[in-house]
Amino acid sequence: MIGKVIFVTGIDTNIGKSYVTGYLAKVFADEGNSVITQKLIQTGNSGISEDIMIHRKIMGTELLPEDLDGTTCPIVLSHPASPYLAAQIDKVRINLEKIQRATAVLRKKYDITLVECAGGIMTPLTENYTTLDYIKERGFPIFIVTTPRLGSINHTLMTLEMCRYARISVLSVIYNMFNVENDLICKDTEKYIKRYLEKYMRETTWGTLKDGIFTAYALE
């Protein structure tokens, strides 16, 4: 039996994707599923992916054999930049098939594989190929991570519009409420994005991550 694959992307970099991915993995595992996480491409790092290490810490596990042999992050680039630029700096070619093969290995062993993307959905992986292209070609559903910070409405709606255009299934929009700076903006942003989902994407659920507690529920 082949397991499910779900991508975790965000509206920007430093939006909390790694923490959300870790908490999602823990929630799914607590429900009785065998779960593993994968990092699509890690930049600004050497050795084992630092984002994978965040996932394992939240999940409450040690590094797994698939982490140690590179299956959960087959491409690690040294410079903290987009994968496309980081690969140029490291003078390497990003092998997308290598990533796909690694995901296939994990699917065969685990019920759910959560694949954390790098940056936002339009982040370039190669010169003419983005994260959106990669997800669309494979047909897997996604979670989108957003926050209440100023400017997030614009970035969230553009991400959702791109998913609608590309016919990518959005399972949930997850509101990462770490370090909320303005309660008024926080509440209004949530209200506005929910209104968009109710109008255009009724099957997409809404989730929140606050103080280490993950909650997901359907729109009213």
Protein backbone atom coordinates (compact mmCIF):
# COMPACT_ATOMS: atom_id res chain seq x y z
CA MET A 1 0.00 0.00 0.00
CA ILE A 2 1.38 3.41 -1.03
CA GLY A 3 1.15 6.18 1.53
CA LYS A 4 -0.11 9.73 1.10
CA VAL A 5 2.17 12.65 0.19
CA ILE A 6 1.28 16.18 1.28
CA PHE A 7 3.38 19.27 0.58
CA VAL A 8 3.76 22.07 3.11
CA THR A 9 4.43 25.44 1.54
CA GLY A 10 4.09 29.02 2.75
CA ILE A 11 3.50 32.57 1.65
CA ASP A 12 7.16 33.48 2.17
CA THR A 13 10.40 32.36 3.78
CA ASN A 14 10.71 32.41 7.60
CA ILE A 15 6.98 31.92 7.91
CA GLY A 16 7.14 28.91 10.24
CA LYS A 17 6.85 26.05 7.73
CA SER A 18 9.33 23.86 9.60
CA TYR A 19 7.46 24.20 12.88
CA VAL A 20 4.07 23.65 11.27
CA THR A 21 5.40 20.59 9.43
CA GLY A 22 6.71 19.15 12.69
CA TYR A 23 3.43 19.75 14.52
CA LEU A 24 1.39 18.31 11.66
CA ALA A 25 3.57 15.20 11.72
CA LYS A 26 3.01 14.86 15.46
CA VAL A 27 -0.76 15.27 15.10
CA PHE A 28 -0.95 12.63 12.36
CA ALA A 29 1.27 10.27 14.37
CA ASP A 30 -0.86 10.73 17.49
CA GLU A 31 -3.84 9.66 15.37
CA GLY A 32 -2.15 6.31 14.78
CA ASN A 33 -0.44 6.93 11.43
CA SER A 34 3.16 6.18 10.58
CA VAL A 35 4.52 9.58 9.56
CA ILE A 36 7.76 10.96 8.20
CA THR A 37 8.78 14.39 6.96
CA GLN A 38 10.96 15.32 4.02
CA LYS A 39 12.62 18.60 3.07
CA LEU A 40 12.34 19.26 -0.65
CA ILE A 41 15.63 21.18 -0.84
CA GLN A 42 17.61 22.62 2.09
CA THR A 43 19.63 25.79 1.61
CA GLY A 44 21.98 27.61 3.99
CA ASN A 45 23.04 24.35 5.55
CA SER A 46 25.56 21.50 5.41
CA GLY A 47 25.17 17.91 6.49
CA ILE A 48 21.77 16.86 7.80
CA SER A 49 18.97 19.34 7.08
CA GLU A 50 18.41 21.70 9.99
CA ASP A 51 14.69 21.78 9.17
CA ILE A 52 14.49 17.99 9.44
CA MET A 53 16.10 18.29 12.88
CA ILE A 54 13.37 20.78 13.89
CA HIS A 55 10.71 18.31 12.71
CA ARG A 56 12.20 15.47 14.76
CA LYS A 57 12.48 17.61 17.89
CA ILE A 58 8.80 18.55 17.69
CA MET A 59 7.82 14.96 16.90
CA GLY A 60 9.78 13.80 19.94
CA THR A 61 12.02 11.39 18.04
CA GLU A 62 15.71 10.98 17.38
CA LEU A 63 17.07 11.30 13.87
CA LEU A 64 15.77 8.42 11.74
CA PRO A 65 17.80 6.12 9.47
CA GLU A 66 16.23 7.94 6.49
CA ASP A 67 17.62 11.20 7.89
CA LEU A 68 21.11 9.82 8.31
CA ASP A 69 21.27 8.38 4.79
CA GLY A 70 19.89 11.57 3.19
CA THR A 71 16.57 10.19 2.00
CA THR A 72 14.55 12.83 3.86
CA CYS A 73 16.63 15.62 2.32
CA PRO A 74 18.59 14.46 -0.71
CA ILE A 75 19.76 17.96 -1.71
CA VAL A 76 21.49 20.28 0.79
CA LEU A 77 23.03 23.54 -0.46
CA SER A 78 25.37 25.78 1.51
CA HIS A 79 24.16 29.30 0.70
CA PRO A 80 20.95 30.73 2.28
CA ALA A 81 19.20 31.65 -0.96
CA SER A 82 16.65 30.25 -3.37
CA PRO A 83 17.53 26.71 -4.48
CA TYR A 84 18.23 28.04 -7.98
CA LEU A 85 20.76 30.62 -6.78
CA ALA A 86 22.22 28.38 -4.06
CA ALA A 87 22.89 25.67 -6.64
CA GLN A 88 24.72 28.16 -8.86
CA ILE A 89 26.87 29.28 -5.94
CA ASP A 90 27.70 25.67 -5.02
CA LYS A 91 28.27 24.88 -8.72
CA VAL A 92 25.89 21.91 -8.71
CA ARG A 93 22.81 20.91 -10.67
CA ILE A 94 19.58 20.30 -8.79
CA ASN A 95 18.44 16.77 -9.62
CA LEU A 96 14.66 16.82 -9.27
CA GLU A 97 14.42 13.13 -10.10
CA LYS A 98 16.59 12.36 -7.08
CA ILE A 99 14.07 14.15 -4.86
CA GLN A 100 11.18 12.31 -6.46
CA ARG A 101 12.88 8.93 -5.97
CA ALA A 102 13.45 9.73 -2.30
CA THR A 103 9.79 10.60 -1.84
CA ALA A 104 8.79 7.33 -3.52
CA VAL A 105 10.97 5.39 -1.06
CA LEU A 106 9.28 7.11 1.90
CA ARG A 107 5.78 6.56 0.47
CA LYS A 108 6.33 2.82 0.42
CA LYS A 109 7.21 2.73 4.12
CA TYR A 110 5.02 5.39 5.76
CA ASP A 111 1.30 6.16 5.79
CA ILE A 112 1.94 9.90 5.40
CA THR A 113 4.94 11.79 4.04
CA LEU A 114 4.94 15.54 4.65
CA VAL A 115 7.25 17.38 2.25
CA GLU A 116 8.33 20.83 3.42
CA CYS A 117 9.09 23.17 0.53
CA ALA A 118 11.69 25.93 0.42
CA GLY A 119 10.38 29.50 0.59
CA GLY A 120 7.07 30.34 -1.09
CA ILE A 121 5.23 28.51 -3.83
CA MET A 122 6.89 30.49 -6.65
CA THR A 123 10.42 29.93 -5.35
CA PRO A 124 12.68 29.01 -8.31
CA LEU A 125 14.19 25.54 -8.18
CA THR A 126 15.93 25.87 -11.54
CA GLU A 127 16.12 28.63 -14.13
CA ASN A 128 12.65 28.01 -15.56
CA TYR A 129 11.02 25.82 -12.93
CA THR A 130 9.36 26.70 -9.63
CA THR A 131 8.01 24.90 -6.58
CA LEU A 132 4.55 25.41 -8.06
CA ASP A 133 5.60 23.52 -11.19
CA TYR A 134 6.98 20.65 -9.11
CA ILE A 135 3.82 20.28 -7.03
CA LYS A 136 1.47 20.66 -10.00
CA GLU A 137 3.22 17.98 -12.05
CA ARG A 138 2.92 15.46 -9.24
CA GLY A 139 -0.66 16.26 -8.31
CA PHE A 140 -0.18 16.13 -4.54
CA PRO A 141 -2.29 18.31 -2.18
CA ILE A 142 -0.77 21.03 -0.01
CA PHE A 143 -0.96 22.88 3.26
CA ILE A 144 -0.26 26.63 3.09
CA VAL A 145 1.32 28.37 6.08
CA THR A 146 0.59 32.04 6.68
CA THR A 147 0.88 34.50 9.58
CA PRO A 148 -0.87 37.61 10.92
CA ARG A 149 2.04 39.90 10.14
CA LEU A 150 1.49 43.05 8.08
CA GLY A 151 1.38 42.24 4.36
CA SER A 152 0.33 38.62 4.78
CA ILE A 153 -3.15 39.15 3.28
CA ASN A 154 -1.62 40.07 -0.07
CA HIS A 155 0.87 37.20 -0.03
CA THR A 156 -1.74 34.67 1.10
CA LEU A 157 -4.32 35.64 -1.51
CA MET A 158 -1.72 35.57 -4.29
CA THR A 159 -0.63 32.10 -3.18
CA LEU A 160 -4.22 30.87 -3.12
CA GLU A 161 -4.92 32.40 -6.53
CA MET A 162 -1.89 30.63 -8.00
CA CYS A 163 -3.12 27.35 -6.56
CA ARG A 164 -6.56 27.90 -8.06
CA TYR A 165 -5.01 28.74 -11.41
CA ALA A 166 -2.79 25.64 -11.32
CA ARG A 167 -5.63 23.45 -9.97
CA ILE A 168 -3.64 22.44 -6.91
CA SER A 169 -5.71 21.05 -4.04
CA VAL A 170 -5.29 23.13 -0.87
CA LEU A 171 -6.21 20.98 2.12
CA SER A 172 -5.77 23.70 4.71
CA VAL A 173 -4.51 27.22 5.33
CA ILE A 174 -2.61 27.23 8.61
CA TYR A 175 -2.38 30.45 10.60
CA ASN A 176 0.93 30.51 12.48
CA MET A 177 0.26 32.83 15.40
CA PHE A 178 3.77 32.92 16.82
CA ASN A 179 4.76 36.37 18.03
CA VAL A 180 1.56 38.25 17.13
CA GLU A 181 2.42 41.96 17.12
CA ASN A 182 -1.00 43.51 16.53
CA ASP A 183 -4.24 41.88 17.65
CA LEU A 184 -6.36 44.05 15.36
CA ILE A 185 -4.36 43.06 12.27
CA CYS A 186 -4.31 39.43 13.43
CA LYS A 187 -8.10 39.20 13.73
CA ASP A 188 -8.82 41.14 10.55
CA THR A 189 -6.34 39.10 8.49
CA GLU A 190 -7.93 35.86 9.70
CA LYS A 191 -11.41 37.18 8.89
CA TYR A 192 -10.41 38.35 5.41
CA ILE A 193 -8.65 35.13 4.39
CA LYS A 194 -11.51 33.01 5.72
CA ARG A 195 -13.96 35.07 3.68
CA TYR A 196 -11.91 34.36 0.56
CA LEU A 197 -11.87 30.62 1.31
CA GLU A 198 -15.62 30.58 1.94
CA LYS A 199 -16.18 32.18 -1.45
CA TYR A 200 -13.70 30.28 -3.61
CA MET A 201 -12.34 27.25 -1.74
CA ARG A 202 -15.06 25.87 0.52
CA GLU A 203 -13.38 22.47 0.93
CA THR A 204 -10.20 24.02 2.35
CA THR A 205 -10.03 23.88 6.15
CA TRP A 206 -8.56 26.48 8.48
CA GLY A 207 -5.90 25.65 11.04
CA THR A 208 -4.09 27.58 13.75
CA LEU A 209 -0.77 27.07 15.49
CA LYS A 210 -0.49 28.98 18.74
CA ASP A 211 1.71 28.33 21.77
CA GLY A 212 2.59 24.89 20.47
CA ILE A 213 -1.03 23.84 20.10
CA PHE A 214 -2.28 22.93 16.64
CA THR A 215 -6.01 23.18 15.92
CA ALA A 216 -7.79 22.47 12.64
CA TYR A 217 -11.46 22.91 11.77
CA ALA A 218 -13.76 23.33 8.80
CA LEU A 219 -15.07 26.73 7.79
CA GLU A 220 -18.49 27.59 9.18
